[in-house]
Amino acid sequence: MALAKARPQLGGLAGIGTPGHLSLALFNLAGTHIEHVVYKGNGPALIDPMAGTIHIVFATSSTAVALMKAGKLKGMAVSTAKRSALGYRPLGQRHPQGRNQSEPARTAV
């Protein structure tokens, strides 16, 4: 969040009107500057953050989990009220002390 508030970022999503699109819009309402990059599905949207073309992707956990487990993407948060089965915190919860919150690339929300 801090990085996206400090300088514009490119955020990938799987299409207009998808949950990822709505999440990205909410991030921008919270004061971030994330430009929408629309893809034809989650698959193509997950490729570009690994290549460094975009900074963040808003994807469903079911499509991103294999890449997160393989260390290719870093999961940051979930948009649910409770912690996910994989241990990711909901967006509104604070991160533990000492964690670098300004990592720009290869992140999935």
Foldseek 3Di string as FASTA:
>chain_A
DVQQLVDEFEEEEQAPPDPQNVVVVVVVVVRGHYDYDYDNGDVVRLPCLLVVNGFEYEDDCVVCVVCCVVVSAPEAADCDPQQDPVGHHHPPDDDDPPDDPNRGGRYYD
